[in-house]
């Protein structure tokens, strides 16, 4: 049972952190480029350099968000239950 609860808790944490990371990256793109990020990087109207830059930014942000959310959730879990979560 605790494994299922942990997975739900970790998934909820990941969704919240991922949404924040995406907003942060979109805001950073707007701040640096003074334009909206590409909605569909695969579209022919998007330049290759913009598509690749956007893909790299989102990929790195998503990876970091996943690590931060899992470690943060595990820390909260350990504080609440006194043991490391089970995967």
PDB file of N, CA and C in Angstrom:
ATOM      1  N   UNK A   1       0.826  -1.206   0.000  1.00  0.00           N
ATOM      2  CA  UNK A   1       0.000   0.000   0.000  1.00  0.00           C
ATOM      3  C   UNK A   1       0.859   1.255   0.000  1.00  0.00           C
ATOM      4  N   UNK A   2       1.909   1.274   0.813  1.00  0.00           N
ATOM      5  CA  UNK A   2       2.722   2.489   0.877  1.00  0.00           C
ATOM      6  C   UNK A   2       3.431   2.760  -0.447  1.00  0.00           C
ATOM      7  N   UNK A   3       3.715   1.691  -1.212  1.00  0.00           N
ATOM      8  CA  UNK A   3       4.325   1.879  -2.524  1.00  0.00           C
ATOM      9  C   UNK A   3       3.399   2.622  -3.469  1.00  0.00           C
ATOM     10  N   UNK A   4       2.120   2.288  -3.430  1.00  0.00           N
ATOM     11  CA  UNK A   4       1.133   2.953  -4.275  1.00  0.00           C
ATOM     12  C   UNK A   4       0.937   4.406  -3.844  1.00  0.00           C
ATOM     13  N   UNK A   5       0.898   4.636  -2.554  1.00  0.00           N
ATOM     14  CA  UNK A   5       0.747   6.001  -2.030  1.00  0.00           C
ATOM     15  C   UNK A   5       1.966   6.833  -2.422  1.00  0.00           C
ATOM     16  N   UNK A   6       3.151   6.237  -2.305  1.00  0.00           N
ATOM     17  CA  UNK A   6       4.372   6.948  -2.683  1.00  0.00           C
ATOM     18  C   UNK A   6       4.342   7.328  -4.153  1.00  0.00           C
ATOM     19  N   UNK A   7       3.943   6.405  -5.015  1.00  0.00           N
ATOM     20  CA  UNK A   7       3.911   6.694  -6.448  1.00  0.00           C
ATOM     21  C   UNK A   7       2.941   7.823  -6.763  1.00  0.00           C
ATOM     22  N   UNK A   8       1.792   7.842  -6.118  1.00  0.00           N
ATOM     23  CA  UNK A   8       0.829   8.924  -6.321  1.00  0.00           C
ATOM     24  C   UNK A   8       1.393  10.248  -5.810  1.00  0.00           C
ATOM     25  N   UNK A   9       2.023  10.221  -4.643  1.00  0.00           N
ATOM     26  CA  UNK A   9       2.616  11.422  -4.064  1.00  0.00           C
ATOM     27  C   UNK A   9       3.731  11.968  -4.951  1.00  0.00           C
ATOM     28  N   UNK A  10       4.603  11.084  -5.428  1.00  0.00           N
ATOM     29  CA  UNK A  10       5.717  11.492  -6.290  1.00  0.00           C
ATOM     30  C   UNK A  10       5.202  12.027  -7.621  1.00  0.00           C
ATOM     31  N   UNK A  11       4.167  11.398  -8.180  1.00  0.00           N
ATOM     32  CA  UNK A  11       3.607  11.861  -9.454  1.00  0.00           C
ATOM     33  C   UNK A  11       2.985  13.251  -9.301  1.00  0.00           C
ATOM     34  N   UNK A  12       2.261  13.466  -8.230  1.00  0.00           N
ATOM     35  CA  UNK A  12       1.669  14.788  -7.990  1.00  0.00           C
ATOM     36  C   UNK A  12       2.728  15.859  -7.837  1.00  0.00           C
ATOM     37  N   UNK A  13       3.763  15.529  -7.111  1.00  0.00           N
ATOM     38  CA  UNK A  13       4.876  16.464  -6.938  1.00  0.00           C
ATOM     39  C   UNK A  13       5.539  16.769  -8.278  1.00  0.00           C
ATOM     40  N   UNK A  14       5.750  15.749  -9.075  1.00  0.00           N
ATOM     41  CA  UNK A  14       6.402  15.937 -10.379  1.00  0.00           C
ATOM     42  C   UNK A  14       5.571  16.817 -11.294  1.00  0.00           C
ATOM     43  N   UNK A  15       4.251  16.637 -11.285  1.00  0.00           N
ATOM     44  CA  UNK A  15       3.391  17.460 -12.144  1.00  0.00           C
ATOM     45  C   UNK A  15       3.448  18.931 -11.758  1.00  0.00           C
ATOM     46  N   UNK A  16       3.444  19.198 -10.466  1.00  0.00           N
ATOM     47  CA  UNK A  16       3.502  20.596 -10.023  1.00  0.00           C
ATOM     48  C   UNK A  16       4.840  21.239 -10.380  1.00  0.00           C
ATOM     49  N   UNK A  17       5.927  20.524 -10.137  1.00  0.00           N
ATOM     50  CA  UNK A  17       7.251  21.076 -10.421  1.00  0.00           C
ATOM     51  C   UNK A  17       7.458  21.228 -11.933  1.00  0.00           C
ATOM     52  N   UNK A  18       6.974  20.287 -12.725  1.00  0.00           N
ATOM     53  CA  UNK A  18       7.121  20.372 -14.184  1.00  0.00           C
ATOM     54  C   UNK A  18       6.360  21.574 -14.743  1.00  0.00           C
ATOM     55  N   UNK A  19       5.172  21.821 -14.217  1.00  0.00           N
ATOM     56  CA  UNK A  19       4.399  22.983 -14.672  1.00  0.00           C
ATOM     57  C   UNK A  19       5.142  24.276 -14.348  1.00  0.00           C
ATOM     58  N   UNK A  20       5.729  24.348 -13.170  1.00  0.00           N
ATOM     59  CA  UNK A  20       6.507  25.530 -12.796  1.00  0.00           C
ATOM     60  C   UNK A  20       7.742  25.693 -13.653  1.00  0.00           C
ATOM     61  N   UNK A  21       8.409  24.591 -13.968  1.00  0.00           N
ATOM     62  CA  UNK A  21       9.612  24.645 -14.797  1.00  0.00           C
ATOM     63  C   UNK A  21       9.264  25.135 -16.199  1.00  0.00           C
ATOM     64  N   UNK A  22       8.157  24.644 -16.739  1.00  0.00           N
ATOM     65  CA  UNK A  22       7.746  25.069 -18.084  1.00  0.00           C
ATOM     66  C   UNK A  22       7.432  26.569 -18.105  1.00  0.00           C
ATOM     67  N   UNK A  23       6.745  27.057 -17.081  1.00  0.00           N
ATOM     68  CA  UNK A  23       6.463  28.496 -17.006  1.00  0.00           C
ATOM     69  C   UNK A  23       7.752  29.303 -16.913  1.00  0.00           C
ATOM     70  N   UNK A  24       8.685  28.811 -16.125  1.00  0.00           N
ATOM     71  CA  UNK A  24       9.967  29.497 -15.964  1.00  0.00           C
ATOM     72  C   UNK A  24      10.731  29.556 -17.280  1.00  0.00           C
ATOM     73  N   UNK A  25      10.773  28.449 -18.017  1.00  0.00           N
ATOM     74  CA  UNK A  25      11.490  28.410 -19.294  1.00  0.00           C
ATOM     75  C   UNK A  25      10.802  29.313 -20.315  1.00  0.00           C
ATOM     76  N   UNK A  26       9.476  29.271 -20.355  1.00  0.00           N
ATOM     77  CA  UNK A  26       8.738  30.141 -21.289  1.00  0.00           C
ATOM     78  C   UNK A  26       9.015  31.615 -20.971  1.00  0.00           C
ATOM     79  N   UNK A  27       9.007  31.966 -19.683  1.00  0.00           N
ATOM     80  CA  UNK A  27       9.293  33.341 -19.283  1.00  0.00           C
ATOM     81  C   UNK A  27      10.717  33.753 -19.622  1.00  0.00           C
ATOM     82  N   UNK A  28      11.657  32.828 -19.430  1.00  0.00           N
ATOM     83  CA  UNK A  28      13.046  33.113 -19.782  1.00  0.00           C
ATOM     84  C   UNK A  28      13.215  33.322 -21.279  1.00  0.00           C
ATOM     85  N   UNK A  29      12.528  32.506 -22.078  1.00  0.00           N
ATOM     86  CA  UNK A  29      12.585  32.648 -23.540  1.00  0.00           C
ATOM     87  C   UNK A  29      12.060  34.029 -23.935  1.00  0.00           C
ATOM     88  N   UNK A  30      10.911  34.396 -23.360  1.00  0.00           N
ATOM     89  CA  UNK A  30      10.323  35.706 -23.685  1.00  0.00           C
ATOM     90  C   UNK A  30      11.253  36.842 -23.273  1.00  0.00           C
ATOM     91  N   UNK A  31      11.887  36.696 -22.119  1.00  0.00           N
ATOM     92  CA  UNK A  31      12.771  37.747 -21.629  1.00  0.00           C
ATOM     93  C   UNK A  31      14.016  37.924 -22.473  1.00  0.00           C
ATOM     94  N   UNK A  32      14.575  36.822 -22.921  1.00  0.00           N
ATOM     95  CA  UNK A  32      15.813  36.878 -23.705  1.00  0.00           C
ATOM     96  C   UNK A  32      15.539  37.187 -25.169  1.00  0.00           C
ATOM     97  N   UNK A  33      14.543  36.523 -25.735  1.00  0.00           N
ATOM     98  CA  UNK A  33      14.274  36.638 -27.173  1.00  0.00           C
ATOM     99  C   UNK A  33      13.258  37.716 -27.518  1.00  0.00           C
ATOM    100  N   UNK A  34      12.530  38.223 -26.537  1.00  0.00           N
ATOM    101  CA  UNK A  34      11.478  39.220 -26.749  1.00  0.00           C
ATOM    102  C   UNK A  34      10.435  38.724 -27.757  1.00  0.00           C
ATOM    103  N   UNK A  35      10.134  37.431 -27.694  1.00  0.00           N
ATOM    104  CA  UNK A  35       9.111  36.820 -28.543  1.00  0.00           C
ATOM    105  C   UNK A  35       8.613  35.554 -27.854  1.00  0.00           C
ATOM    106  N   UNK A  36       7.498  35.040 -28.315  1.00  0.00           N
ATOM    107  CA  UNK A  36       6.941  33.817 -27.754  1.00  0.00           C
ATOM    108  C   UNK A  36       7.778  32.605 -28.195  1.00  0.00           C
ATOM    109  N   UNK A  37       7.898  31.615 -27.325  1.00  0.00           N
ATOM    110  CA  UNK A  37       8.589  30.392 -27.740  1.00  0.00           C
ATOM    111  C   UNK A  37       7.760  29.645 -28.776  1.00  0.00           C
ATOM    112  N   UNK A  38       8.383  28.791 -29.551  1.00  0.00           N
ATOM    113  CA  UNK A  38       7.630  28.062 -30.579  1.00  0.00           C
ATOM    114  C   UNK A  38       6.583  27.141 -29.958  1.00  0.00           C
ATOM    115  N   UNK A  39       5.349  27.233 -30.453  1.00  0.00           N
ATOM    116  CA  UNK A  39       4.280  26.346 -29.981  1.00  0.00           C
ATOM    117  C   UNK A  39       4.508  24.928 -30.486  1.00  0.00           C
ATOM    118  N   UNK A  40       4.956  24.817 -31.727  1.00  0.00           N
ATOM    119  CA  UNK A  40       5.215  23.515 -32.332  1.00  0.00           C
ATOM    120  C   UNK A  40       6.585  23.558 -32.997  1.00  0.00           C
ATOM    121  N   UNK A  41       7.629  23.129 -32.282  1.00  0.00           N
ATOM    122  CA  UNK A  41       8.981  23.188 -32.852  1.00  0.00           C
ATOM    123  C   UNK A  41       9.147  22.387 -34.146  1.00  0.00           C
ATOM    124  N   UNK A  42       8.253  21.446 -34.417  1.00  0.00           N
ATOM    125  CA  UNK A  42       8.346  20.636 -35.635  1.00  0.00           C
ATOM    126  C   UNK A  42       7.751  21.333 -36.853  1.00  0.00           C
ATOM    127  N   UNK A  43       7.069  22.455 -36.646  1.00  0.00           N
ATOM    128  CA  UNK A  43       6.439  23.163 -37.766  1.00  0.00           C
ATOM    129  C   UNK A  43       7.496  23.731 -38.704  1.00  0.00           C
ATOM    130  N   UNK A  44       7.187  23.739 -39.988  1.00  0.00           N
ATOM    131  CA  UNK A  44       8.150  24.238 -40.975  1.00  0.00           C
ATOM    132  C   UNK A  44       8.377  25.743 -40.847  1.00  0.00           C
ATOM    133  N   UNK A  45       7.476  26.441 -40.184  1.00  0.00           N
ATOM    134  CA  UNK A  45       7.632  27.891 -40.009  1.00  0.00           C
ATOM    135  C   UNK A  45       8.635  28.245 -38.906  1.00  0.00           C
ATOM    136  N   UNK A  46       9.029  27.261 -38.103  1.00  0.00           N
ATOM    137  CA  UNK A  46       9.989  27.482 -37.013  1.00  0.00           C
ATOM    138  C   UNK A  46      11.386  27.177 -37.515  1.00  0.00           C
ATOM    139  N   UNK A  47      12.305  28.128 -37.317  1.00  0.00           N
ATOM    140  CA  UNK A  47      13.681  27.916 -37.743  1.00  0.00           C
ATOM    141  C   UNK A  47      14.320  26.792 -36.927  1.00  0.00           C
ATOM    142  N   UNK A  48      15.255  26.090 -37.574  1.00  0.00           N
ATOM    143  CA  UNK A  48      15.924  24.975 -36.913  1.00  0.00           C
ATOM    144  C   UNK A  48      16.584  25.396 -35.606  1.00  0.00           C
ATOM    145  N   UNK A  49      17.267  26.528 -35.632  1.00  0.00           N
ATOM    146  CA  UNK A  49      17.983  26.945 -34.420  1.00  0.00           C
ATOM    147  C   UNK A  49      17.014  27.198 -33.265  1.00  0.00           C
ATOM    148  N   UNK A  50      15.839  27.741 -33.578  1.00  0.00           N
ATOM    149  CA  UNK A  50      14.834  27.970 -32.536  1.00  0.00           C
ATOM    150  C   UNK A  50      14.241  26.658 -32.038  1.00  0.00           C
ATOM    151  N   UNK A  51      13.985  25.732 -32.952  1.00  0.00           N
ATOM    152  CA  UNK A  51      13.432  24.435 -32.572  1.00  0.00           C
ATOM    153  C   UNK A  51      14.417  23.668 -31.684  1.00  0.00           C
ATOM    154  N   UNK A  52      15.688  23.675 -32.061  1.00  0.00           N
ATOM    155  CA  UNK A  52      16.704  22.968 -31.277  1.00  0.00           C
ATOM    156  C   UNK A  52      16.907  23.644 -29.924  1.00  0.00           C
ATOM    157  N   UNK A  53      16.984  24.957 -29.913  1.00  0.00           N
ATOM    158  CA  UNK A  53      17.162  25.688 -28.648  1.00  0.00           C
ATOM    159  C   UNK A  53      15.996  25.420 -27.704  1.00  0.00           C
ATOM    160  N   UNK A  54      14.782  25.467 -28.233  1.00  0.00           N
ATOM    161  CA  UNK A  54      13.608  25.224 -27.397  1.00  0.00           C
ATOM    162  C   UNK A  54      13.607  23.781 -26.875  1.00  0.00           C
ATOM    163  N   UNK A  55      13.937  22.835 -27.728  1.00  0.00           N
ATOM    164  CA  UNK A  55      13.998  21.438 -27.308  1.00  0.00           C
ATOM    165  C   UNK A  55      15.031  21.209 -26.217  1.00  0.00           C
ATOM    166  N   UNK A  56      16.190  21.824 -26.361  1.00  0.00           N
ATOM    167  CA  UNK A  56      17.233  21.697 -25.337  1.00  0.00           C
ATOM    168  C   UNK A  56      16.799  22.311 -24.017  1.00  0.00           C
ATOM    169  N   UNK A  57      16.231  23.495 -24.079  1.00  0.00           N
ATOM    170  CA  UNK A  57      15.793  24.165 -22.852  1.00  0.00           C
ATOM    171  C   UNK A  57      14.720  23.364 -22.129  1.00  0.00           C
ATOM    172  N   UNK A  58      13.721  22.914 -22.864  1.00  0.00           N
ATOM    173  CA  UNK A  58      12.646  22.142 -22.245  1.00  0.00           C
ATOM    174  C   UNK A  58      13.167  20.812 -21.710  1.00  0.00           C
ATOM    175  N   UNK A  59      14.068  20.163 -22.459  1.00  0.00           N
ATOM    176  CA  UNK A  59      14.631  18.891 -22.015  1.00  0.00           C
ATOM    177  C   UNK A  59      15.424  19.023 -20.722  1.00  0.00           C
ATOM    178  N   UNK A  60      16.283  20.013 -20.659  1.00  0.00           N
ATOM    179  CA  UNK A  60      17.090  20.229 -19.457  1.00  0.00           C
ATOM    180  C   UNK A  60      16.193  20.613 -18.280  1.00  0.00           C
ATOM    181  N   UNK A  61      15.253  21.516 -18.518  1.00  0.00           N
ATOM    182  CA  UNK A  61      14.341  21.940 -17.444  1.00  0.00           C
ATOM    183  C   UNK A  61      13.505  20.765 -16.940  1.00  0.00           C
ATOM    184  N   UNK A  62      13.046  19.920 -17.841  1.00  0.00           N
ATOM    185  CA  UNK A  62      12.246  18.760 -17.440  1.00  0.00           C
ATOM    186  C   UNK A  62      13.070  17.772 -16.617  1.00  0.00           C
ATOM    187  N   UNK A  63      14.289  17.533 -17.046  1.00  0.00           N
ATOM    188  CA  UNK A  63      15.163  16.633 -16.293  1.00  0.00           C
ATOM    189  C   UNK A  63      15.459  17.145 -14.899  1.00  0.00           C
ATOM    190  N   UNK A  64      15.785  18.416 -14.798  1.00  0.00           N
ATOM    191  CA  UNK A  64      16.051  19.008 -13.488  1.00  0.00           C
ATOM    192  C   UNK A  64      14.801  19.009 -12.619  1.00  0.00           C
ATOM    193  N   UNK A  65      13.657  19.311 -13.216  1.00  0.00           N
ATOM    194  CA  UNK A  65      12.400  19.315 -12.463  1.00  0.00           C
ATOM    195  C   UNK A  65      12.102  17.933 -11.905  1.00  0.00           C
ATOM    196  N   UNK A  66      12.362  16.908 -12.697  1.00  0.00           N
ATOM    197  CA  UNK A  66      12.105  15.544 -12.230  1.00  0.00           C
ATOM    198  C   UNK A  66      12.997  15.197 -11.039  1.00  0.00           C
ATOM    199  N   UNK A  67      14.275  15.538 -11.144  1.00  0.00           N
ATOM    200  CA  UNK A  67      15.198  15.249 -10.044  1.00  0.00           C
ATOM    201  C   UNK A  67      14.791  16.013  -8.789  1.00  0.00           C
ATOM    202  N   UNK A  68      14.512  17.310  -8.949  1.00  0.00           N
ATOM    203  CA  UNK A  68      14.133  18.127  -7.792  1.00  0.00           C
ATOM    204  C   UNK A  68      12.845  17.642  -7.147  1.00  0.00           C
ATOM    205  N   UNK A  69      11.869  17.293  -7.972  1.00  0.00           N
ATOM    206  CA  UNK A  69      10.594  16.863  -7.400  1.00  0.00           C
ATOM    207  C   UNK A  69      10.731  15.525  -6.679  1.00  0.00           C
ATOM    208  N   UNK A  70      11.478  14.587  -7.255  1.00  0.00           N
ATOM    209  CA  UNK A  70      11.631  13.282  -6.602  1.00  0.00           C
ATOM    210  C   UNK A  70      12.402  13.402  -5.284  1.00  0.00           C
ATOM    211  N   UNK A  71      13.460  14.186  -5.310  1.00  0.00           N
ATOM    212  CA  UNK A  71      14.248  14.334  -4.082  1.00  0.00           C
ATOM    213  C   UNK A  71      13.467  15.103  -3.022  1.00  0.00           C
ATOM    214  N   UNK A  72      12.751  16.139  -3.453  1.00  0.00           N
ATOM    215  CA  UNK A  72      11.930  16.900  -2.506  1.00  0.00           C
ATOM    216  C   UNK A  72      10.819  16.049  -1.921  1.00  0.00           C
ATOM    217  N   UNK A  73      10.143  15.293  -2.773  1.00  0.00           N
ATOM    218  CA  UNK A  73       9.068  14.423  -2.303  1.00  0.00           C
ATOM    219  C   UNK A  73       9.615  13.349  -1.355  1.00  0.00           C
ATOM    220  N   UNK A  74      10.777  12.806  -1.671  1.00  0.00           N
ATOM    221  CA  UNK A  74      11.380  11.788  -0.802  1.00  0.00           C
ATOM    222  C   UNK A  74      11.741  12.373   0.555  1.00  0.00           C
ATOM    223  N   UNK A  75      12.219  13.618   0.566  1.00  0.00           N
ATOM    224  CA  UNK A  75      12.532  14.271   1.838  1.00  0.00           C
ATOM    225  C   UNK A  75      11.291  14.494   2.686  1.00  0.00           C
ATOM    226  N   UNK A  76      10.212  14.923   2.061  1.00  0.00           N
ATOM    227  CA  UNK A  76       8.951  15.117   2.782  1.00  0.00           C
ATOM    228  C   UNK A  76       8.434  13.781   3.295  1.00  0.00           C
ATOM    229  N   UNK A  77       8.507  12.752   2.444  1.00  0.00           N
ATOM    230  CA  UNK A  77       8.053  11.417   2.831  1.00  0.00           C
ATOM    231  C   UNK A  77       8.826  10.913   4.052  1.00  0.00           C
ATOM    232  N   UNK A  78      10.144  11.082   4.012  1.00  0.00           N
ATOM    233  CA  UNK A  78      10.968  10.603   5.129  1.00  0.00           C
ATOM    234  C   UNK A  78      10.659  11.377   6.407  1.00  0.00           C
ATOM    235  N   UNK A  79      10.423  12.688   6.290  1.00  0.00           N
ATOM    236  CA  UNK A  79      10.065  13.481   7.471  1.00  0.00           C
ATOM    237  C   UNK A  79       8.730  13.036   8.049  1.00  0.00           C
ATOM    238  N   UNK A  80       7.788  12.705   7.165  1.00  0.00           N
ATOM    239  CA  UNK A  80       6.443  12.330   7.612  1.00  0.00           C
ATOM    240  C   UNK A  80       6.384  10.912   8.175  1.00  0.00           C
ATOM    241  N   UNK A  81       7.112   9.978   7.531  1.00  0.00           N
ATOM    242  CA  UNK A  81       6.969   8.566   7.897  1.00  0.00           C
ATOM    243  C   UNK A  81       8.223   7.949   8.529  1.00  0.00           C
ATOM    244  N   UNK A  82       9.312   8.699   8.552  1.00  0.00           N
ATOM    245  CA  UNK A  82      10.529   8.204   9.207  1.00  0.00           C
ATOM    246  C   UNK A  82      11.294   7.148   8.421  1.00  0.00           C
ATOM    247  N   UNK A  83      10.959   6.963   7.151  1.00  0.00           N
ATOM    248  CA  UNK A  83      11.673   5.978   6.332  1.00  0.00           C
ATOM    249  C   UNK A  83      11.720   6.481   4.888  1.00  0.00           C
ATOM    250  N   UNK A  84      12.697   5.959   4.143  1.00  0.00           N
ATOM    251  CA  UNK A  84      12.780   6.301   2.743  1.00  0.00           C
ATOM    252  C   UNK A  84      11.617   5.676   1.985  1.00  0.00           C
ATOM    253  N   UNK A  85      11.147   6.338   0.933  1.00  0.00           N
ATOM    254  CA  UNK A  85      10.047   5.768   0.152  1.00  0.00           C
ATOM    255  C   UNK A  85      10.498   4.543  -0.634  1.00  0.00           C
ATOM    256  N   UNK A  86       9.553   3.686  -0.951  1.00  0.00           N
ATOM    257  CA  UNK A  86       9.841   2.518  -1.765  1.00  0.00           C
ATOM    258  C   UNK A  86       9.394   2.781  -3.178  1.00  0.00           C
ATOM    259  N   UNK A  87      10.185   2.360  -4.144  1.00  0.00           N
ATOM    260  CA  UNK A  87       9.812   2.546  -5.557  1.00  0.00           C
ATOM    261  C   UNK A  87       9.089   1.364  -6.086  1.00  0.00           C
TER     262      UNK A  87
END
